[in-house]
């Protein structure tokens, strides 16, 4: 142990600086008048920009509504067309499935009409299971549970 040479840590010459414990105020960049003027200017500019965009948004909203009014009859017609095509596919599929059954008429139950009080040329909307009878299970589930997924 006698051979170790070490130097003890000592305070600097003149001692340490005094500890500051009194309050030091924060440096202010703006006074109250400047902050109020900035707030007023920013609010005024924002209101001006909002009013300018409000006119554009109103015109775009009117245009979108015009587009929807123009497209709605077309979309409804396409929806009805797809509905009737699916009904036609169901009838053709029933005809193909039951062609070997003697006495089977498509759209009846062994020759008896399913609906006795409905005129022959009147369309009766089928239930959901009947409509999707020859479609995929996923197509049926998507339609049957469409409101539970929202």
C-alpha atoms as a PDB file:
ATOM      1  CA  UNK A   1       0.000   0.000   0.000  1.00  0.00           C
ATOM      2  CA  UNK A   2       2.911   2.304   0.516  1.00  0.00           C
ATOM      3  CA  UNK A   3       3.657   2.397  -3.212  1.00  0.00           C
ATOM      4  CA  UNK A   4       0.269   3.858  -4.270  1.00  0.00           C
ATOM      5  CA  UNK A   5       0.321   7.450  -5.334  1.00  0.00           C
ATOM      6  CA  UNK A   6      -3.061   9.202  -5.273  1.00  0.00           C
ATOM      7  CA  UNK A   7      -4.370  12.737  -5.232  1.00  0.00           C
ATOM      8  CA  UNK A   8      -7.348  13.699  -3.103  1.00  0.00           C
ATOM      9  CA  UNK A   9     -10.227  15.582  -4.749  1.00  0.00           C
ATOM     10  CA  UNK A  10     -10.366  19.070  -3.322  1.00  0.00           C
ATOM     11  CA  UNK A  11     -12.541  22.163  -3.927  1.00  0.00           C
ATOM     12  CA  UNK A  12     -11.301  24.673  -6.487  1.00  0.00           C
ATOM     13  CA  UNK A  13      -9.204  27.572  -5.354  1.00  0.00           C
ATOM     14  CA  UNK A  14     -11.418  30.319  -4.005  1.00  0.00           C
ATOM     15  CA  UNK A  15     -14.159  27.811  -3.132  1.00  0.00           C
ATOM     16  CA  UNK A  16     -17.387  26.873  -4.845  1.00  0.00           C
ATOM     17  CA  UNK A  17     -19.812  29.525  -6.137  1.00  0.00           C
ATOM     18  CA  UNK A  18     -22.719  30.347  -3.841  1.00  0.00           C
ATOM     19  CA  UNK A  19     -25.992  28.358  -4.247  1.00  0.00           C
ATOM     20  CA  UNK A  20     -28.756  30.454  -5.819  1.00  0.00           C
ATOM     21  CA  UNK A  21     -32.031  29.849  -4.050  1.00  0.00           C
ATOM     22  CA  UNK A  22     -33.988  33.036  -4.698  1.00  0.00           C
ATOM     23  CA  UNK A  23     -36.596  33.273  -7.466  1.00  0.00           C
ATOM     24  CA  UNK A  24     -35.370  34.031 -11.008  1.00  0.00           C
ATOM     25  CA  UNK A  25     -38.132  35.541 -13.173  1.00  0.00           C
ATOM     26  CA  UNK A  26     -38.707  34.101 -16.670  1.00  0.00           C
ATOM     27  CA  UNK A  27     -37.518  36.193 -19.583  1.00  0.00           C
ATOM     28  CA  UNK A  28     -40.540  37.780 -21.321  1.00  0.00           C
ATOM     29  CA  UNK A  29     -40.547  38.106 -25.091  1.00  0.00           C
ATOM     30  CA  UNK A  30     -43.925  39.815 -25.513  1.00  0.00           C
ATOM     31  CA  UNK A  31     -45.851  42.085 -23.246  1.00  0.00           C
ATOM     32  CA  UNK A  32     -49.641  41.865 -22.814  1.00  0.00           C
ATOM     33  CA  UNK A  33     -50.432  44.385 -25.570  1.00  0.00           C
ATOM     34  CA  UNK A  34     -48.334  42.535 -28.143  1.00  0.00           C
ATOM     35  CA  UNK A  35     -49.937  39.199 -27.255  1.00  0.00           C
ATOM     36  CA  UNK A  36     -53.454  40.692 -27.505  1.00  0.00           C
ATOM     37  CA  UNK A  37     -52.603  42.273 -30.869  1.00  0.00           C
ATOM     38  CA  UNK A  38     -51.220  38.961 -32.144  1.00  0.00           C
ATOM     39  CA  UNK A  39     -54.309  37.082 -30.971  1.00  0.00           C
ATOM     40  CA  UNK A  40     -56.583  39.614 -32.672  1.00  0.00           C
ATOM     41  CA  UNK A  41     -54.609  39.465 -35.928  1.00  0.00           C
ATOM     42  CA  UNK A  42     -54.548  35.658 -35.973  1.00  0.00           C
ATOM     43  CA  UNK A  43     -58.270  35.399 -35.209  1.00  0.00           C
ATOM     44  CA  UNK A  44     -59.147  37.950 -37.883  1.00  0.00           C
ATOM     45  CA  UNK A  45     -57.033  36.167 -40.508  1.00  0.00           C
ATOM     46  CA  UNK A  46     -58.519  32.797 -39.554  1.00  0.00           C
ATOM     47  CA  UNK A  47     -62.066  34.137 -39.814  1.00  0.00           C
ATOM     48  CA  UNK A  48     -61.295  35.610 -43.240  1.00  0.00           C
ATOM     49  CA  UNK A  49     -59.892  32.286 -44.483  1.00  0.00           C
ATOM     50  CA  UNK A  50     -62.859  30.389 -43.043  1.00  0.00           C
ATOM     51  CA  UNK A  51     -65.333  32.650 -44.814  1.00  0.00           C
ATOM     52  CA  UNK A  52     -63.459  32.272 -48.097  1.00  0.00           C
ATOM     53  CA  UNK A  53     -63.461  28.486 -47.796  1.00  0.00           C
ATOM     54  CA  UNK A  54     -67.072  28.460 -46.617  1.00  0.00           C
ATOM     55  CA  UNK A  55     -68.212  29.776 -49.996  1.00  0.00           C
ATOM     56  CA  UNK A  56     -66.169  27.117 -51.816  1.00  0.00           C
ATOM     57  CA  UNK A  57     -67.439  24.350 -49.543  1.00  0.00           C
ATOM     58  CA  UNK A  58     -71.029  25.461 -50.053  1.00  0.00           C
ATOM     59  CA  UNK A  59     -70.570  25.374 -53.845  1.00  0.00           C
ATOM     60  CA  UNK A  60     -68.934  21.931 -53.653  1.00  0.00           C
ATOM     61  CA  UNK A  61     -71.763  20.671 -51.452  1.00  0.00           C
ATOM     62  CA  UNK A  62     -74.333  21.901 -53.982  1.00  0.00           C
ATOM     63  CA  UNK A  63     -72.383  20.249 -56.784  1.00  0.00           C
ATOM     64  CA  UNK A  64     -72.157  16.936 -54.893  1.00  0.00           C
ATOM     65  CA  UNK A  65     -75.900  17.041 -54.244  1.00  0.00           C
ATOM     66  CA  UNK A  66     -76.551  17.730 -57.937  1.00  0.00           C
ATOM     67  CA  UNK A  67     -74.411  14.728 -58.878  1.00  0.00           C
ATOM     68  CA  UNK A  68     -76.305  12.511 -56.427  1.00  0.00           C
ATOM     69  CA  UNK A  69     -79.645  13.762 -57.758  1.00  0.00           C
ATOM     70  CA  UNK A  70     -78.532  12.992 -61.311  1.00  0.00           C
ATOM     71  CA  UNK A  71     -77.102   9.544 -60.493  1.00  0.00           C
ATOM     72  CA  UNK A  72     -79.781   8.268 -58.132  1.00  0.00           C
ATOM     73  CA  UNK A  73     -82.227   7.087 -60.842  1.00  0.00           C
ATOM     74  CA  UNK A  74     -79.399   5.323 -62.675  1.00  0.00           C
ATOM     75  CA  UNK A  75     -78.176   3.612 -59.509  1.00  0.00           C
ATOM     76  CA  UNK A  76     -81.684   2.538 -58.540  1.00  0.00           C
ATOM     77  CA  UNK A  77     -82.287   1.147 -62.035  1.00  0.00           C
ATOM     78  CA  UNK A  78     -79.010  -0.797 -61.893  1.00  0.00           C
ATOM     79  CA  UNK A  79     -79.912  -2.163 -58.467  1.00  0.00           C
ATOM     80  CA  UNK A  80     -83.326  -3.293 -59.724  1.00  0.00           C
ATOM     81  CA  UNK A  81     -81.757  -4.801 -62.839  1.00  0.00           C
ATOM     82  CA  UNK A  82     -79.280  -6.808 -60.753  1.00  0.00           C
ATOM     83  CA  UNK A  83     -82.144  -7.964 -58.502  1.00  0.00           C
ATOM     84  CA  UNK A  84     -84.161  -9.236 -61.482  1.00  0.00           C
ATOM     85  CA  UNK A  85     -81.081 -10.920 -62.983  1.00  0.00           C
ATOM     86  CA  UNK A  86     -80.497 -12.799 -59.726  1.00  0.00           C
ATOM     87  CA  UNK A  87     -84.143 -13.894 -59.658  1.00  0.00           C
ATOM     88  CA  UNK A  88     -83.777 -15.132 -63.255  1.00  0.00           C
ATOM     89  CA  UNK A  89     -80.592 -17.041 -62.289  1.00  0.00           C
ATOM     90  CA  UNK A  90     -82.452 -18.628 -59.380  1.00  0.00           C
ATOM     91  CA  UNK A  91     -85.265 -19.794 -61.684  1.00  0.00           C
ATOM     92  CA  UNK A  92     -82.755 -21.210 -64.198  1.00  0.00           C
ATOM     93  CA  UNK A  93     -80.835 -22.960 -61.423  1.00  0.00           C
ATOM     94  CA  UNK A  94     -84.055 -24.469 -60.050  1.00  0.00           C
ATOM     95  CA  UNK A  95     -84.940 -25.655 -63.549  1.00  0.00           C
ATOM     96  CA  UNK A  96     -81.483 -27.247 -63.934  1.00  0.00           C
ATOM     97  CA  UNK A  97     -81.600 -28.916 -60.507  1.00  0.00           C
ATOM     98  CA  UNK A  98     -85.119 -30.305 -60.814  1.00  0.00           C
ATOM     99  CA  UNK A  99     -85.133 -31.351 -64.484  1.00  0.00           C
ATOM    100  CA  UNK A 100     -85.064 -35.062 -63.555  1.00  0.00           C
ATOM    101  CA  UNK A 101     -87.999 -34.814 -61.119  1.00  0.00           C
ATOM    102  CA  UNK A 102     -91.223 -35.833 -62.830  1.00  0.00           C
ATOM    103  CA  UNK A 103     -94.110 -33.375 -62.533  1.00  0.00           C
ATOM    104  CA  UNK A 104     -91.945 -30.492 -61.294  1.00  0.00           C
ATOM    105  CA  UNK A 105     -92.847 -27.042 -62.570  1.00  0.00           C
ATOM    106  CA  UNK A 106     -90.465 -24.190 -61.839  1.00  0.00           C
ATOM    107  CA  UNK A 107     -91.894 -21.678 -59.392  1.00  0.00           C
ATOM    108  CA  UNK A 108     -94.424 -24.122 -57.933  1.00  0.00           C
ATOM    109  CA  UNK A 109     -94.362 -26.880 -55.359  1.00  0.00           C
ATOM    110  CA  UNK A 110     -95.131 -30.049 -57.284  1.00  0.00           C
ATOM    111  CA  UNK A 111     -97.493 -28.155 -59.568  1.00  0.00           C
ATOM    112  CA  UNK A 112     -99.254 -26.260 -56.769  1.00  0.00           C
ATOM    113  CA  UNK A 113     -98.638 -22.492 -56.739  1.00  0.00           C
ATOM    114  CA  UNK A 114     -96.911 -21.342 -53.582  1.00  0.00           C
ATOM    115  CA  UNK A 115     -99.036 -18.194 -53.356  1.00  0.00           C
ATOM    116  CA  UNK A 116    -102.681 -18.862 -54.179  1.00  0.00           C
ATOM    117  CA  UNK A 117    -104.003 -15.316 -53.734  1.00  0.00           C
ATOM    118  CA  UNK A 118    -101.352 -13.556 -55.832  1.00  0.00           C
ATOM    119  CA  UNK A 119    -102.087 -13.025 -59.539  1.00  0.00           C
ATOM    120  CA  UNK A 120     -99.891 -14.944 -61.959  1.00  0.00           C
ATOM    121  CA  UNK A 121     -98.075 -11.917 -63.418  1.00  0.00           C
ATOM    122  CA  UNK A 122     -97.363 -10.251 -60.033  1.00  0.00           C
ATOM    123  CA  UNK A 123     -93.834 -10.370 -58.625  1.00  0.00           C
ATOM    124  CA  UNK A 124     -93.523 -11.593 -55.052  1.00  0.00           C
ATOM    125  CA  UNK A 125     -90.259 -10.708 -53.381  1.00  0.00           C
ATOM    126  CA  UNK A 126     -88.589 -13.861 -52.073  1.00  0.00           C
ATOM    127  CA  UNK A 127     -87.205 -14.102 -48.561  1.00  0.00           C
ATOM    128  CA  UNK A 128     -83.492 -13.483 -48.116  1.00  0.00           C
ATOM    129  CA  UNK A 129     -82.576 -17.172 -47.843  1.00  0.00           C
ATOM    130  CA  UNK A 130     -84.459 -17.981 -51.035  1.00  0.00           C
ATOM    131  CA  UNK A 131     -82.932 -15.059 -52.909  1.00  0.00           C
ATOM    132  CA  UNK A 132     -79.393 -16.146 -51.976  1.00  0.00           C
ATOM    133  CA  UNK A 133     -80.099 -19.885 -52.279  1.00  0.00           C
ATOM    134  CA  UNK A 134     -77.736 -20.332 -55.238  1.00  0.00           C
ATOM    135  CA  UNK A 135     -75.201 -17.688 -54.266  1.00  0.00           C
ATOM    136  CA  UNK A 136     -72.136 -18.046 -52.091  1.00  0.00           C
ATOM    137  CA  UNK A 137     -72.440 -18.189 -48.316  1.00  0.00           C
ATOM    138  CA  UNK A 138     -70.333 -15.042 -48.051  1.00  0.00           C
ATOM    139  CA  UNK A 139     -72.754 -13.075 -50.250  1.00  0.00           C
ATOM    140  CA  UNK A 140     -75.641 -14.138 -48.023  1.00  0.00           C
ATOM    141  CA  UNK A 141     -73.762 -13.314 -44.809  1.00  0.00           C
ATOM    142  CA  UNK A 142     -72.741  -9.910 -46.130  1.00  0.00           C
ATOM    143  CA  UNK A 143     -76.359  -9.005 -46.826  1.00  0.00           C
ATOM    144  CA  UNK A 144     -77.905 -10.663 -43.788  1.00  0.00           C
ATOM    145  CA  UNK A 145     -75.487  -9.124 -41.292  1.00  0.00           C
ATOM    146  CA  UNK A 146     -74.663  -5.837 -43.030  1.00  0.00           C
ATOM    147  CA  UNK A 147     -76.006  -3.710 -40.166  1.00  0.00           C
ATOM    148  CA  UNK A 148     -74.184  -5.597 -37.423  1.00  0.00           C
ATOM    149  CA  UNK A 149     -70.759  -4.750 -38.860  1.00  0.00           C
ATOM    150  CA  UNK A 150     -71.144  -0.998 -38.437  1.00  0.00           C
END
